[in-house]
């Protein structure tokens, strides 16, 4: 599926990011995920975009989330590739939450 981007924002107005990942495994052992990204701007969480259904196992969801951030946040161009290092580089918190769901429709 394609990435659906909701809005663009500037990095300087974002306080922190939240990446929510739903994971589902089919009967053949293939793992898929959906990913929803939001940013804390002022005192409100704003949706930046989501990926509804894509193949990827383990922690692949956080990299999908980072791709959404790269596409929607002006000024986000970290040299690092690992979340905890990116947090230090941009001086902002990035929370990643994983949920394993039992059904594909729960993605």
Protein backbone atom coordinates (compact mmCIF):
# COMPACT_ATOMS: atom_id res chain seq x y z
CA UNK A 1 0.00 0.00 0.00
CA UNK A 2 1.01 3.59 -0.39
CA UNK A 3 1.96 6.07 2.26
CA UNK A 4 -0.79 8.56 3.03
CA UNK A 5 0.64 11.89 4.14
CA UNK A 6 -1.69 14.19 6.07
CA UNK A 7 0.28 17.43 6.47
CA UNK A 8 3.72 19.00 6.42
CA UNK A 9 5.20 20.76 9.44
CA UNK A 10 8.50 22.38 10.33
CA UNK A 11 10.85 20.53 12.68
CA UNK A 12 11.38 23.61 14.85
CA UNK A 13 7.71 23.66 15.99
CA UNK A 14 7.57 19.96 16.91
CA UNK A 15 8.16 18.95 20.53
CA UNK A 16 8.15 15.15 20.01
CA UNK A 17 6.99 12.37 17.69
CA UNK A 18 4.84 9.27 18.24
CA UNK A 19 5.00 6.23 15.97
CA UNK A 20 2.27 3.63 16.51
CA UNK A 21 2.82 0.28 14.78
CA UNK A 22 0.29 -2.54 14.49
CA UNK A 23 1.82 -5.91 13.53
CA UNK A 24 -0.01 -8.92 12.14
CA UNK A 25 1.31 -12.36 11.12
CA UNK A 26 -0.55 -14.41 8.51
CA UNK A 27 -1.00 -18.21 8.59
CA UNK A 28 2.24 -18.67 6.58
CA UNK A 29 4.36 -16.73 9.08
CA UNK A 30 4.65 -13.55 6.98
CA UNK A 31 4.57 -10.37 9.06
CA UNK A 32 2.91 -7.11 8.01
CA UNK A 33 2.44 -3.81 9.73
CA UNK A 34 0.56 -0.54 9.63
CA UNK A 35 2.14 2.63 10.95
CA UNK A 36 0.63 5.88 12.22
CA UNK A 37 2.78 8.95 12.92
CA UNK A 38 1.84 12.05 14.90
CA UNK A 39 3.75 15.07 16.19
CA UNK A 40 3.27 17.07 19.37
CA UNK A 41 2.91 20.70 18.32
CA UNK A 42 2.20 23.04 21.19
CA UNK A 43 -0.23 21.09 23.35
CA UNK A 44 -1.89 19.08 20.54
CA UNK A 45 -1.01 15.85 18.76
CA UNK A 46 -1.23 16.34 14.99
CA UNK A 47 -1.41 13.43 12.53
CA UNK A 48 1.39 13.52 9.98
CA UNK A 49 0.56 10.41 7.98
CA UNK A 50 0.26 6.64 7.91
CA UNK A 51 1.06 3.47 6.02
CA UNK A 52 -1.94 1.15 6.14
CA UNK A 53 -0.46 -2.25 5.21
CA UNK A 54 3.08 -3.19 4.31
CA UNK A 55 5.38 -6.20 4.62
CA UNK A 56 8.04 -6.07 7.31
CA UNK A 57 9.02 -8.01 10.39
CA UNK A 58 10.60 -7.20 13.74
CA UNK A 59 11.13 -3.48 14.21
CA UNK A 60 10.60 -2.55 10.56
CA UNK A 61 7.64 -0.41 11.63
CA UNK A 62 9.89 2.21 13.20
CA UNK A 63 11.72 2.64 9.89
CA UNK A 64 8.39 3.03 8.10
CA UNK A 65 7.56 5.70 10.69
CA UNK A 66 10.86 7.48 10.07
CA UNK A 67 10.11 7.52 6.33
CA UNK A 68 6.79 9.23 7.05
CA UNK A 69 8.59 11.78 9.25
CA UNK A 70 11.17 12.41 6.50
CA UNK A 71 8.37 13.07 4.00
CA UNK A 72 6.27 15.34 6.24
CA UNK A 73 8.69 17.27 8.45
CA UNK A 74 10.53 20.17 6.85
CA UNK A 75 14.10 20.29 8.18
CA UNK A 76 14.20 16.62 9.25
CA UNK A 77 17.29 15.21 7.57
CA UNK A 78 19.27 13.27 10.18
CA UNK A 79 22.64 11.72 9.45
CA UNK A 80 21.91 8.89 11.88
CA UNK A 81 19.74 5.85 11.06
CA UNK A 82 18.93 4.54 14.56
CA UNK A 83 16.05 6.11 16.51
CA UNK A 84 17.85 6.77 19.80
CA UNK A 85 20.72 8.43 17.91
CA UNK A 86 18.31 10.48 15.79
CA UNK A 87 16.64 11.68 19.01
CA UNK A 88 19.98 13.01 20.26
CA UNK A 89 20.81 14.55 16.89
CA UNK A 90 17.52 16.48 16.57
CA UNK A 91 17.02 16.91 20.34
CA UNK A 92 13.44 15.58 20.23
CA UNK A 93 11.81 12.45 21.65
CA UNK A 94 10.56 9.77 19.24
CA UNK A 95 8.28 7.22 20.90
CA UNK A 96 7.61 3.93 19.11
CA UNK A 97 4.73 1.74 20.31
CA UNK A 98 4.14 -1.76 18.94
CA UNK A 99 0.85 -3.65 19.11
CA UNK A 100 0.53 -7.24 17.89
CA UNK A 101 -2.97 -7.73 16.50
CA UNK A 102 -4.71 -11.05 15.90
CA UNK A 103 -6.66 -10.13 12.76
CA UNK A 104 -5.69 -8.37 9.54
CA UNK A 105 -8.71 -6.09 9.81
CA UNK A 106 -7.38 -4.80 13.16
CA UNK A 107 -4.40 -3.22 11.42
